[in-house]
Amino acid sequence: VQLVESGGGLVQPGGSLRLSCAASGFTFDDYAIAWFRQAPGKEREGVSCINNSDGTTYYANSVKGRFTISRDNAKSTVFLQMNSLKPEDTAVYYCKIGIVQDYWGQGTQVTVSS
């Protein structure tokens, strides 16, 4: 199982970024997948997830209305569109899947600063 995140970077407050998580080593269509983030000095927290059956999504209250999760099963990739970014969104963003055990990507840094 391999998860590879990309798309992070430095953006000004109010800006947008689109994160990608490319998956391999398992049947992507069979599993829900989630995004987490970890800011300096803070615990890792769940941001959003999307299930595999009907595309039902979940968002943390802190990102609801600003972030959108989606998946492309043909490309085994999950996306996180992040709009109206705030400095408090600064963190390393990880994708995660649970298959008997949890698998994490290496993370991608998102920095929101003027």
PDB file of N, CA and C in Angstrom:
ATOM      1  N   VAL A   1       0.860  -1.189   0.000  1.00  0.00           N
ATOM      2  CA  VAL A   1       0.000   0.000   0.000  1.00  0.00           C
ATOM      3  C   VAL A   1       0.892   1.233   0.000  1.00  0.00           C
ATOM      4  N   GLN A   2       0.601   2.147  -0.912  1.00  0.00           N
ATOM      5  CA  GLN A   2       1.371   3.386  -0.966  1.00  0.00           C
ATOM      6  C   GLN A   2       0.427   4.545  -1.214  1.00  0.00           C
ATOM      7  N   LEU A   3       0.626   5.613  -0.447  1.00  0.00           N
ATOM      8  CA  LEU A   3      -0.136   6.842  -0.603  1.00  0.00           C
ATOM      9  C   LEU A   3       0.863   7.983  -0.784  1.00  0.00           C
ATOM     10  N   VAL A   4       0.689   8.773  -1.823  1.00  0.00           N
ATOM     11  CA  VAL A   4       1.623   9.859  -2.106  1.00  0.00           C
ATOM     12  C   VAL A   4       0.847  11.156  -2.275  1.00  0.00           C
ATOM     13  N   GLU A   5       1.039  12.073  -1.324  1.00  0.00           N
ATOM     14  CA  GLU A   5       0.368  13.361  -1.383  1.00  0.00           C
ATOM     15  C   GLU A   5       1.198  14.366  -2.185  1.00  0.00           C
ATOM     16  N   SER A   6       0.513  15.313  -2.781  1.00  0.00           N
ATOM     17  CA  SER A   6       1.165  16.401  -3.498  1.00  0.00           C
ATOM     18  C   SER A   6       0.226  17.595  -3.544  1.00  0.00           C
ATOM     19  N   GLY A   7       0.773  18.745  -3.953  1.00  0.00           N
ATOM     20  CA  GLY A   7      -0.057  19.925  -4.148  1.00  0.00           C
ATOM     21  C   GLY A   7       0.059  20.987  -3.071  1.00  0.00           C
ATOM     22  N   GLY A   8       0.811  20.702  -2.028  1.00  0.00           N
ATOM     23  CA  GLY A   8       0.981  21.692  -0.976  1.00  0.00           C
ATOM     24  C   GLY A   8       1.844  22.860  -1.432  1.00  0.00           C
ATOM     25  N   GLY A   9       1.931  23.867  -0.574  1.00  0.00           N
ATOM     26  CA  GLY A   9       2.753  25.020  -0.904  1.00  0.00           C
ATOM     27  C   GLY A   9       2.443  26.190  -0.002  1.00  0.00           C
ATOM     28  N   LEU A  10       2.962  27.339  -0.401  1.00  0.00           N
ATOM     29  CA  LEU A  10       2.739  28.590   0.328  1.00  0.00           C
ATOM     30  C   LEU A  10       1.663  29.392  -0.392  1.00  0.00           C
ATOM     31  N   VAL A  11       0.662  29.831   0.339  1.00  0.00           N
ATOM     32  CA  VAL A  11      -0.434  30.592  -0.255  1.00  0.00           C
ATOM     33  C   VAL A  11      -0.838  31.695   0.706  1.00  0.00           C
ATOM     34  N   GLN A  12      -1.315  32.797   0.160  1.00  0.00           N
ATOM     35  CA  GLN A  12      -1.776  33.903   0.983  1.00  0.00           C
ATOM     36  C   GLN A  12      -3.146  33.610   1.569  1.00  0.00           C
ATOM     37  N   PRO A  13      -3.478  34.220   2.691  1.00  0.00           N
ATOM     38  CA  PRO A  13      -4.840  34.057   3.238  1.00  0.00           C
ATOM     39  C   PRO A  13      -5.884  34.407   2.182  1.00  0.00           C
ATOM     40  N   GLY A  14      -6.916  33.579   2.139  1.00  0.00           N
ATOM     41  CA  GLY A  14      -7.956  33.749   1.132  1.00  0.00           C
ATOM     42  C   GLY A  14      -7.699  32.991  -0.152  1.00  0.00           C
ATOM     43  N   GLY A  15      -6.513  32.455  -0.285  1.00  0.00           N
ATOM     44  CA  GLY A  15      -6.155  31.723  -1.495  1.00  0.00           C
ATOM     45  C   GLY A  15      -6.651  30.288  -1.494  1.00  0.00           C
ATOM     46  N   SER A  16      -6.263  29.557  -2.548  1.00  0.00           N
ATOM     47  CA  SER A  16      -6.723  28.180  -2.735  1.00  0.00           C
ATOM     48  C   SER A  16      -5.551  27.265  -3.067  1.00  0.00           C
ATOM     49  N   LEU A  17      -5.720  26.014  -2.710  1.00  0.00           N
ATOM     50  CA  LEU A  17      -4.808  24.947  -3.096  1.00  0.00           C
ATOM     51  C   LEU A  17      -5.630  23.693  -3.348  1.00  0.00           C
ATOM     52  N   ARG A  18      -5.100  22.829  -4.202  1.00  0.00           N
ATOM     53  CA  ARG A  18      -5.729  21.525  -4.446  1.00  0.00           C
ATOM     54  C   ARG A  18      -4.708  20.440  -4.139  1.00  0.00           C
ATOM     55  N   LEU A  19      -4.982  19.661  -3.124  1.00  0.00           N
ATOM     56  CA  LEU A  19      -4.109  18.556  -2.763  1.00  0.00           C
ATOM     57  C   LEU A  19      -4.558  17.292  -3.480  1.00  0.00           C
ATOM     58  N   SER A  20      -3.590  16.439  -3.796  1.00  0.00           N
ATOM     59  CA  SER A  20      -3.864  15.142  -4.395  1.00  0.00           C
ATOM     60  C   SER A  20      -3.217  14.051  -3.562  1.00  0.00           C
ATOM     61  N   CYS A  21      -3.837  12.890  -3.557  1.00  0.00           N
ATOM     62  CA  CYS A  21      -3.279  11.719  -2.898  1.00  0.00           C
ATOM     63  C   CYS A  21      -3.416  10.556  -3.879  1.00  0.00           C
ATOM     64  N   ALA A  22      -2.300  10.131  -4.420  1.00  0.00           N
ATOM     65  CA  ALA A  22      -2.286   9.023  -5.369  1.00  0.00           C
ATOM     66  C   ALA A  22      -2.051   7.721  -4.622  1.00  0.00           C
ATOM     67  N   ALA A  23      -2.922   6.747  -4.843  1.00  0.00           N
ATOM     68  CA  ALA A  23      -2.879   5.498  -4.093  1.00  0.00           C
ATOM     69  C   ALA A  23      -2.496   4.333  -5.000  1.00  0.00           C
ATOM     70  N   SER A  24      -1.848   3.347  -4.420  1.00  0.00           N
ATOM     71  CA  SER A  24      -1.500   2.138  -5.154  1.00  0.00           C
ATOM     72  C   SER A  24      -1.331   0.987  -4.181  1.00  0.00           C
ATOM     73  N   GLY A  25      -1.382  -0.221  -4.711  1.00  0.00           N
ATOM     74  CA  GLY A  25      -1.140  -1.403  -3.891  1.00  0.00           C
ATOM     75  C   GLY A  25      -2.379  -2.038  -3.286  1.00  0.00           C
ATOM     76  N   PHE A  26      -3.547  -1.509  -3.613  1.00  0.00           N
ATOM     77  CA  PHE A  26      -4.794  -2.080  -3.114  1.00  0.00           C
ATOM     78  C   PHE A  26      -5.907  -1.679  -4.083  1.00  0.00           C
ATOM     79  N   THR A  27      -7.082  -2.271  -3.881  1.00  0.00           N
ATOM     80  CA  THR A  27      -8.222  -1.957  -4.743  1.00  0.00           C
ATOM     81  C   THR A  27      -8.866  -0.675  -4.243  1.00  0.00           C
ATOM     82  N   PHE A  28      -8.533   0.409  -4.909  1.00  0.00           N
ATOM     83  CA  PHE A  28      -8.908   1.752  -4.445  1.00  0.00           C
ATOM     84  C   PHE A  28     -10.416   1.885  -4.254  1.00  0.00           C
ATOM     85  N   ASP A  29     -11.181   1.304  -5.170  1.00  0.00           N
ATOM     86  CA  ASP A  29     -12.644   1.463  -5.145  1.00  0.00           C
ATOM     87  C   ASP A  29     -13.286   0.880  -3.887  1.00  0.00           C
ATOM     88  N   ASP A  30     -12.578  -0.003  -3.191  1.00  0.00           N
ATOM     89  CA  ASP A  30     -13.179  -0.748  -2.093  1.00  0.00           C
ATOM     90  C   ASP A  30     -13.105  -0.035  -0.746  1.00  0.00           C
ATOM     91  N   TYR A  31     -12.453   1.120  -0.694  1.00  0.00           N
ATOM     92  CA  TYR A  31     -12.183   1.711   0.607  1.00  0.00           C
ATOM     93  C   TYR A  31     -12.486   3.195   0.660  1.00  0.00           C
ATOM     94  N   ALA A  32     -12.971   3.612   1.841  1.00  0.00           N
ATOM     95  CA  ALA A  32     -13.035   5.035   2.133  1.00  0.00           C
ATOM     96  C   ALA A  32     -11.614   5.553   2.338  1.00  0.00           C
ATOM     97  N   ILE A  33     -11.450   6.846   2.150  1.00  0.00           N
ATOM     98  CA  ILE A  33     -10.127   7.438   2.339  1.00  0.00           C
ATOM     99  C   ILE A  33     -10.304   8.810   2.991  1.00  0.00           C
ATOM    100  N   ALA A  34      -9.343   9.195   3.793  1.00  0.00           N
ATOM    101  CA  ALA A  34      -9.487  10.404   4.597  1.00  0.00           C
ATOM    102  C   ALA A  34      -8.267  11.311   4.485  1.00  0.00           C
ATOM    103  N   TRP A  35      -8.500  12.582   4.751  1.00  0.00           N
ATOM    104  CA  TRP A  35      -7.429  13.572   4.899  1.00  0.00           C
ATOM    105  C   TRP A  35      -7.335  13.973   6.372  1.00  0.00           C
ATOM    106  N   PHE A  36      -6.114  14.036   6.873  1.00  0.00           N
ATOM    107  CA  PHE A  36      -5.821  14.536   8.203  1.00  0.00           C
ATOM    108  C   PHE A  36      -4.810  15.673   8.059  1.00  0.00           C
ATOM    109  N   ARG A  37      -4.624  16.412   9.130  1.00  0.00           N
ATOM    110  CA  ARG A  37      -3.579  17.433   9.139  1.00  0.00           C
ATOM    111  C   ARG A  37      -2.983  17.541  10.531  1.00  0.00           C
ATOM    112  N   GLN A  38      -1.746  18.004  10.567  1.00  0.00           N
ATOM    113  CA  GLN A  38      -1.069  18.198  11.842  1.00  0.00           C
ATOM    114  C   GLN A  38      -0.294  19.500  11.797  1.00  0.00           C
ATOM    115  N   ALA A  39      -0.705  20.426  12.656  1.00  0.00           N
ATOM    116  CA  ALA A  39      -0.022  21.705  12.778  1.00  0.00           C
ATOM    117  C   ALA A  39       1.095  21.580  13.812  1.00  0.00           C
ATOM    118  N   PRO A  40       2.094  22.449  13.755  1.00  0.00           N
ATOM    119  CA  PRO A  40       3.203  22.392  14.717  1.00  0.00           C
ATOM    120  C   PRO A  40       2.694  22.452  16.147  1.00  0.00           C
ATOM    121  N   GLY A  41       3.135  21.515  16.972  1.00  0.00           N
ATOM    122  CA  GLY A  41       2.765  21.514  18.383  1.00  0.00           C
ATOM    123  C   GLY A  41       1.366  21.029  18.677  1.00  0.00           C
ATOM    124  N   LYS A  42       0.665  20.560  17.659  1.00  0.00           N
ATOM    125  CA  LYS A  42      -0.719  20.101  17.852  1.00  0.00           C
ATOM    126  C   LYS A  42      -0.853  18.640  17.443  1.00  0.00           C
ATOM    127  N   GLU A  43      -1.928  18.021  17.905  1.00  0.00           N
ATOM    128  CA  GLU A  43      -2.210  16.641  17.525  1.00  0.00           C
ATOM    129  C   GLU A  43      -2.757  16.589  16.100  1.00  0.00           C
ATOM    130  N   ARG A  44      -2.547  15.438  15.483  1.00  0.00           N
ATOM    131  CA  ARG A  44      -3.116  15.225  14.153  1.00  0.00           C
ATOM    132  C   ARG A  44      -4.638  15.198  14.264  1.00  0.00           C
ATOM    133  N   GLU A  45      -5.313  15.852  13.326  1.00  0.00           N
ATOM    134  CA  GLU A  45      -6.775  15.919  13.370  1.00  0.00           C
ATOM    135  C   GLU A  45      -7.372  15.536  12.020  1.00  0.00           C
ATOM    136  N   GLY A  46      -8.560  14.949  12.076  1.00  0.00           N
ATOM    137  CA  GLY A  46      -9.262  14.611  10.850  1.00  0.00           C
ATOM    138  C   GLY A  46      -9.831  15.851  10.193  1.00  0.00           C
ATOM    139  N   VAL A  47      -9.705  15.924   8.884  1.00  0.00           N
ATOM    140  CA  VAL A  47     -10.192  17.065   8.108  1.00  0.00           C
ATOM    141  C   VAL A  47     -11.412  16.674   7.288  1.00  0.00           C
ATOM    142  N   SER A  48     -11.309  15.567   6.570  1.00  0.00           N
ATOM    143  CA  SER A  48     -12.391  15.177   5.677  1.00  0.00           C
ATOM    144  C   SER A  48     -12.213  13.721   5.286  1.00  0.00           C
ATOM    145  N   CYS A  49     -13.321  13.073   4.937  1.00  0.00           N
ATOM    146  CA  CYS A  49     -13.206  11.735   4.381  1.00  0.00           C
ATOM    147  C   CYS A  49     -14.331  11.516   3.377  1.00  0.00           C
ATOM    148  N   ILE A  50     -14.131  10.521   2.522  1.00  0.00           N
ATOM    149  CA  ILE A  50     -15.109  10.197   1.496  1.00  0.00           C
ATOM    150  C   ILE A  50     -15.226   8.690   1.413  1.00  0.00           C
ATOM    151  N   ASN A  51     -16.455   8.177   1.388  1.00  0.00           N
ATOM    152  CA  ASN A  51     -16.576   6.725   1.347  1.00  0.00           C
ATOM    153  C   ASN A  51     -16.505   6.224  -0.086  1.00  0.00           C
ATOM    154  N   ASN A  52     -16.480   4.909  -0.216  1.00  0.00           N
ATOM    155  CA  ASN A  52     -16.254   4.317  -1.530  1.00  0.00           C
ATOM    156  C   ASN A  52     -17.550   3.932  -2.222  1.00  0.00           C
ATOM    157  N   SER A  53     -18.629   3.771  -1.453  1.00  0.00           N
ATOM    158  CA  SER A  53     -19.846   3.209  -2.042  1.00  0.00           C
ATOM    159  C   SER A  53     -20.691   4.264  -2.748  1.00  0.00           C
ATOM    160  N   ASP A  54     -20.985   5.356  -2.043  1.00  0.00           N
ATOM    161  CA  ASP A  54     -21.862   6.363  -2.645  1.00  0.00           C
ATOM    162  C   ASP A  54     -21.274   7.764  -2.617  1.00  0.00           C
ATOM    163  N   GLY A  55     -20.013   7.867  -2.248  1.00  0.00           N
ATOM    164  CA  GLY A  55     -19.361   9.169  -2.249  1.00  0.00           C
ATOM    165  C   GLY A  55     -19.744  10.079  -1.104  1.00  0.00           C
ATOM    166  N   THR A  56     -20.373   9.524  -0.080  1.00  0.00           N
ATOM    167  CA  THR A  56     -20.724  10.331   1.089  1.00  0.00           C
ATOM    168  C   THR A  56     -19.467  10.942   1.685  1.00  0.00           C
ATOM    169  N   THR A  57     -19.574  12.205   2.077  1.00  0.00           N
ATOM    170  CA  THR A  57     -18.413  12.935   2.583  1.00  0.00           C
ATOM    171  C   THR A  57     -18.645  13.417   4.011  1.00  0.00           C
ATOM    172  N   TYR A  58     -17.533  13.668   4.675  1.00  0.00           N
ATOM    173  CA  TYR A  58     -17.552  14.218   6.025  1.00  0.00           C
ATOM    174  C   TYR A  58     -16.528  15.338   6.078  1.00  0.00           C
ATOM    175  N   TYR A  59     -16.846  16.398   6.818  1.00  0.00           N
ATOM    176  CA  TYR A  59     -15.917  17.506   6.996  1.00  0.00           C
ATOM    177  C   TYR A  59     -15.855  17.924   8.463  1.00  0.00           C
ATOM    178  N   ALA A  60     -14.683  18.251   8.928  1.00  0.00           N
ATOM    179  CA  ALA A  60     -14.559  18.875  10.233  1.00  0.00           C
ATOM    180  C   ALA A  60     -15.232  20.237  10.194  1.00  0.00           C
ATOM    181  N   ASN A  61     -15.769  20.660  11.325  1.00  0.00           N
ATOM    182  CA  ASN A  61     -16.464  21.943  11.366  1.00  0.00           C
ATOM    183  C   ASN A  61     -15.557  23.098  10.934  1.00  0.00           C
ATOM    184  N   SER A  62     -14.270  22.968  11.230  1.00  0.00           N
ATOM    185  CA  SER A  62     -13.343  24.055  10.945  1.00  0.00           C
ATOM    186  C   SER A  62     -13.122  24.276   9.447  1.00  0.00           C
ATOM    187  N   VAL A  63     -13.464  23.297   8.618  1.00  0.00           N
ATOM    188  CA  VAL A  63     -13.227  23.439   7.175  1.00  0.00           C
ATOM    189  C   VAL A  63     -14.511  23.365   6.360  1.00  0.00           C
ATOM    190  N   LYS A  64     -15.621  23.091   7.012  1.00  0.00           N
ATOM    191  CA  LYS A  64     -16.894  22.935   6.306  1.00  0.00           C
ATOM    192  C   LYS A  64     -17.229  24.201   5.533  1.00  0.00           C
ATOM    193  N   GLY A  65     -17.607  24.029   4.281  1.00  0.00           N
ATOM    194  CA  GLY A  65     -17.947  25.164   3.438  1.00  0.00           C
ATOM    195  C   GLY A  65     -16.762  25.758   2.694  1.00  0.00           C
ATOM    196  N   ARG A  66     -15.545  25.349   3.067  1.00  0.00           N
ATOM    197  CA  ARG A  66     -14.339  25.869   2.398  1.00  0.00           C
ATOM    198  C   ARG A  66     -13.574  24.763   1.663  1.00  0.00           C
ATOM    199  N   PHE A  67     -13.601  23.558   2.194  1.00  0.00           N
ATOM    200  CA  PHE A  67     -12.861  22.440   1.604  1.00  0.00           C
ATOM    201  C   PHE A  67     -13.851  21.488   0.935  1.00  0.00           C
ATOM    202  N   THR A  68     -13.404  20.856  -0.139  1.00  0.00           N
ATOM    203  CA  THR A  68     -14.210  19.851  -0.832  1.00  0.00           C
ATOM    204  C   THR A  68     -13.338  18.647  -1.140  1.00  0.00           C
ATOM    205  N   ILE A  69     -13.786  17.477  -0.697  1.00  0.00           N
ATOM    206  CA  ILE A  69     -13.077  16.231  -0.984  1.00  0.00           C
ATOM    207  C   ILE A  69     -13.754  15.539  -2.163  1.00  0.00           C
ATOM    208  N   SER A  70     -12.947  14.904  -2.994  1.00  0.00           N
ATOM    209  CA  SER A  70     -13.494  14.146  -4.119  1.00  0.00           C
ATOM    210  C   SER A  70     -12.529  13.005  -4.431  1.00  0.00           C
ATOM    211  N   ARG A  71     -12.994  12.068  -5.217  1.00  0.00           N
ATOM    212  CA  ARG A  71     -12.143  10.948  -5.595  1.00  0.00           C
ATOM    213  C   ARG A  71     -12.356  10.592  -7.051  1.00  0.00           C
ATOM    214  N   ASP A  72     -11.298  10.121  -7.692  1.00  0.00           N
ATOM    215  CA  ASP A  72     -11.349   9.636  -9.060  1.00  0.00           C
ATOM    216  C   ASP A  72     -10.902   8.180  -9.007  1.00  0.00           C
ATOM    217  N   ASN A  73     -11.857   7.266  -8.995  1.00  0.00           N
ATOM    218  CA  ASN A  73     -11.521   5.849  -8.848  1.00  0.00           C
ATOM    219  C   ASN A  73     -10.715   5.334 -10.037  1.00  0.00           C
ATOM    220  N   ALA A  74     -10.931   5.889 -11.205  1.00  0.00           N
ATOM    221  CA  ALA A  74     -10.191   5.445 -12.390  1.00  0.00           C
ATOM    222  C   ALA A  74      -8.703   5.759 -12.264  1.00  0.00           C
ATOM    223  N   LYS A  75      -8.391   6.820 -11.516  1.00  0.00           N
ATOM    224  CA  LYS A  75      -6.991   7.225 -11.338  1.00  0.00           C
ATOM    225  C   LYS A  75      -6.461   6.897  -9.942  1.00  0.00           C
ATOM    226  N   SER A  76      -7.304   6.228  -9.124  1.00  0.00           N
ATOM    227  CA  SER A  76      -6.905   5.865  -7.746  1.00  0.00           C
ATOM    228  C   SER A  76      -6.355   7.074  -7.003  1.00  0.00           C
ATOM    229  N   THR A  77      -7.080   8.163  -7.098  1.00  0.00           N
ATOM    230  CA  THR A  77      -6.617   9.417  -6.515  1.00  0.00           C
ATOM    231  C   THR A  77      -7.759  10.101  -5.767  1.00  0.00           C
ATOM    232  N   VAL A  78      -7.430  10.680  -4.635  1.00  0.00           N
ATOM    233  CA  VAL A  78      -8.382  11.489  -3.893  1.00  0.00           C
ATOM    234  C   VAL A  78      -7.844  12.914  -3.853  1.00  0.00           C
ATOM    235  N   PHE A  79      -8.750  13.878  -3.901  1.00  0.00           N
ATOM    236  CA  PHE A  79      -8.392  15.289  -3.954  1.00  0.00           C
ATOM    237  C   PHE A  79      -8.977  16.028  -2.762  1.00  0.00           C
ATOM    238  N   LEU A  80      -8.332  17.103  -2.391  1.00  0.00           N
ATOM    239  CA  LEU A  80      -8.875  18.011  -1.392  1.00  0.00           C
ATOM    240  C   LEU A  80      -8.720  19.429  -1.930  1.00  0.00           C
ATOM    241  N   GLN A  81      -9.830  19.997  -2.373  1.00  0.00           N
ATOM    242  CA  GLN A  81      -9.839  21.379  -2.843  1.00  0.00           C
ATOM    243  C   GLN A  81     -10.035  22.278  -1.635  1.00  0.00           C
ATOM    244  N   MET A  82      -9.090  23.173  -1.426  1.00  0.00           N
ATOM    245  CA  MET A  82      -9.118  24.035  -0.253  1.00  0.00           C
ATOM    246  C   MET A  82      -9.222  25.486  -0.708  1.00  0.00           C
ATOM    247  N   ASN A  83     -10.329  26.122  -0.361  1.00  0.00           N
ATOM    248  CA  ASN A  83     -10.572  27.513  -0.716  1.00  0.00           C
ATOM    249  C   ASN A  83     -10.633  28.377   0.539  1.00  0.00           C
ATOM    250  N   SER A  84     -10.546  29.667   0.339  1.00  0.00           N
ATOM    251  CA  SER A  84     -10.632  30.619   1.459  1.00  0.00           C
ATOM    252  C   SER A  84      -9.716  30.207   2.604  1.00  0.00           C
ATOM    253  N   LEU A  85      -8.491  29.898   2.258  1.00  0.00           N
ATOM    254  CA  LEU A  85      -7.546  29.400   3.258  1.00  0.00           C
ATOM    255  C   LEU A  85      -7.220  30.457   4.306  1.00  0.00           C
ATOM    256  N   LYS A  86      -7.016  29.960   5.520  1.00  0.00           N
ATOM    257  CA  LYS A  86      -6.723  30.808   6.668  1.00  0.00           C
ATOM    258  C   LYS A  86      -5.367  30.413   7.251  1.00  0.00           C
ATOM    259  N   PRO A  87      -4.721  31.315   7.974  1.00  0.00           N
ATOM    260  CA  PRO A  87      -3.440  30.955   8.603  1.00  0.00           C
ATOM    261  C   PRO A  87      -3.547  29.721   9.485  1.00  0.00           C
ATOM    262  N   GLU A  88      -4.690  29.519  10.111  1.00  0.00           N
ATOM    263  CA  GLU A  88      -4.856  28.344  10.978  1.00  0.00           C
ATOM    264  C   GLU A  88      -4.994  27.044  10.202  1.00  0.00           C
ATOM    265  N   ASP A  89      -5.052  27.105   8.887  1.00  0.00           N
ATOM    266  CA  ASP A  89      -5.031  25.900   8.072  1.00  0.00           C
ATOM    267  C   ASP A  89      -3.609  25.411   7.825  1.00  0.00           C
ATOM    268  N   THR A  90      -2.621  26.183   8.250  1.00  0.00           N
ATOM    269  CA  THR A  90      -1.223  25.785   8.080  1.00  0.00           C
ATOM    270  C   THR A  90      -0.943  24.489   8.818  1.00  0.00           C
ATOM    271  N   ALA A  91      -0.454  23.503   8.095  1.00  0.00           N
ATOM    272  CA  ALA A  91      -0.218  22.172   8.668  1.00  0.00           C
ATOM    273  C   ALA A  91       0.403  21.278   7.601  1.00  0.00           C
ATOM    274  N   VAL A  92       0.848  20.117   8.035  1.00  0.00           N
ATOM    275  CA  VAL A  92       1.178  19.042   7.099  1.00  0.00           C
ATOM    276  C   VAL A  92      -0.098  18.229   6.908  1.00  0.00           C
ATOM    277  N   TYR A  93      -0.464  18.027   5.657  1.00  0.00           N
ATOM    278  CA  TYR A  93      -1.690  17.311   5.322  1.00  0.00           C
ATOM    279  C   TYR A  93      -1.336  15.890   4.865  1.00  0.00           C
ATOM    280  N   TYR A  94      -2.064  14.920   5.416  1.00  0.00           N
ATOM    281  CA  TYR A  94      -1.824  13.511   5.142  1.00  0.00           C
ATOM    282  C   TYR A  94      -3.102  12.854   4.648  1.00  0.00           C
ATOM    283  N   CYS A  95      -2.969  11.889   3.760  1.00  0.00           N
ATOM    284  CA  CYS A  95      -4.108  11.029   3.473  1.00  0.00           C
ATOM    285  C   CYS A  95      -3.889   9.704   4.192  1.00  0.00           C
ATOM    286  N   LYS A  96      -5.005   9.062   4.503  1.00  0.00           N
ATOM    287  CA  LYS A  96      -4.966   7.833   5.281  1.00  0.00           C
ATOM    288  C   LYS A  96      -6.019   6.859   4.805  1.00  0.00           C
ATOM    289  N   ILE A  97      -5.661   5.585   4.828  1.00  0.00           N
ATOM    290  CA  ILE A  97      -6.622   4.534   4.534  1.00  0.00           C
ATOM    291  C   ILE A  97      -6.457   3.432   5.568  1.00  0.00           C
ATOM    292  N   GLY A  98      -7.564   2.805   5.921  1.00  0.00           N
ATOM    293  CA  GLY A  98      -7.525   1.719   6.886  1.00  0.00           C
ATOM    294  C   GLY A  98      -7.803   0.390   6.212  1.00  0.00           C
ATOM    295  N   ILE A  99      -6.786  -0.455   6.138  1.00  0.00           N
ATOM    296  CA  ILE A  99      -6.934  -1.800   5.590  1.00  0.00           C
ATOM    297  C   ILE A  99      -6.263  -2.739   6.588  1.00  0.00           C
ATOM    298  N   VAL A 100      -7.024  -3.292   7.489  1.00  0.00           N
ATOM    299  CA  VAL A 100      -6.491  -4.090   8.599  1.00  0.00           C
ATOM    300  C   VAL A 100      -5.695  -3.172   9.530  1.00  0.00           C
ATOM    301  N   GLN A 101      -4.774  -2.439   8.975  1.00  0.00           N
ATOM    302  CA  GLN A 101      -4.065  -1.408   9.733  1.00  0.00           C
ATOM    303  C   GLN A 101      -4.183  -0.092   8.981  1.00  0.00           C
ATOM    304  N   ASP A 102      -3.785   0.991   9.645  1.00  0.00           N
ATOM    305  CA  ASP A 102      -3.816   2.301   8.989  1.00  0.00           C
ATOM    306  C   ASP A 102      -2.546   2.514   8.172  1.00  0.00           C
ATOM    307  N   TYR A 103      -2.734   3.062   6.976  1.00  0.00           N
ATOM    308  CA  TYR A 103      -1.622   3.446   6.121  1.00  0.00           C
ATOM    309  C   TYR A 103      -1.685   4.952   5.892  1.00  0.00           C
ATOM    310  N   TRP A 104      -0.531   5.593   5.994  1.00  0.00           N
ATOM    311  CA  TRP A 104      -0.431   7.047   5.834  1.00  0.00           C
ATOM    312  C   TRP A 104       0.535   7.389   4.719  1.00  0.00           C
ATOM    313  N   GLY A 105       0.268   8.509   4.067  1.00  0.00           N
ATOM    314  CA  GLY A 105       1.247   9.052   3.147  1.00  0.00           C
ATOM    315  C   GLY A 105       2.321   9.805   3.912  1.00  0.00           C
ATOM    316  N   GLN A 106       3.261  10.394   3.157  1.00  0.00           N
ATOM    317  CA  GLN A 106       4.372  11.108   3.790  1.00  0.00           C
ATOM    318  C   GLN A 106       3.996  12.537   4.166  1.00  0.00           C
ATOM    319  N   GLY A 107       2.887  13.006   3.629  1.00  0.00           N
ATOM    320  CA  GLY A 107       2.412  14.350   3.950  1.00  0.00           C
ATOM    321  C   GLY A 107       2.876  15.403   2.969  1.00  0.00           C
ATOM    322  N   THR A 108       2.107  16.485   2.899  1.00  0.00           N
ATOM    323  CA  THR A 108       2.467  17.633   2.076  1.00  0.00           C
ATOM    324  C   THR A 108       2.225  18.896   2.895  1.00  0.00           C
ATOM    325  N   GLN A 109       3.190  19.808   2.886  1.00  0.00           N
ATOM    326  CA  GLN A 109       3.121  20.994   3.723  1.00  0.00           C
ATOM    327  C   GLN A 109       2.245  22.056   3.076  1.00  0.00           C
ATOM    328  N   VAL A 110       1.320  22.587   3.857  1.00  0.00           N
ATOM    329  CA  VAL A 110       0.501  23.728   3.442  1.00  0.00           C
ATOM    330  C   VAL A 110       0.793  24.874   4.402  1.00  0.00           C
ATOM    331  N   THR A 111       1.212  25.995   3.855  1.00  0.00           N
ATOM    332  CA  THR A 111       1.499  27.170   4.663  1.00  0.00           C
ATOM    333  C   THR A 111       0.666  28.334   4.155  1.00  0.00           C
ATOM    334  N   VAL A 112      -0.143  28.899   5.045  1.00  0.00           N
ATOM    335  CA  VAL A 112      -0.992  30.033   4.687  1.00  0.00           C
ATOM    336  C   VAL A 112      -0.462  31.254   5.435  1.00  0.00           C
ATOM    337  N   SER A 113       0.107  32.163   4.687  1.00  0.00           N
ATOM    338  CA  SER A 113       0.753  33.309   5.307  1.00  0.00           C
ATOM    339  C   SER A 113       0.876  34.436   4.301  1.00  0.00           C
ATOM    340  N   SER A 114       0.799  35.661   4.809  1.00  0.00           N
ATOM    341  CA  SER A 114       1.005  36.824   3.952  1.00  0.00           C
ATOM    342  C   SER A 114       2.458  37.280   4.022  1.00  0.00           C
TER     343      SER A 114
END
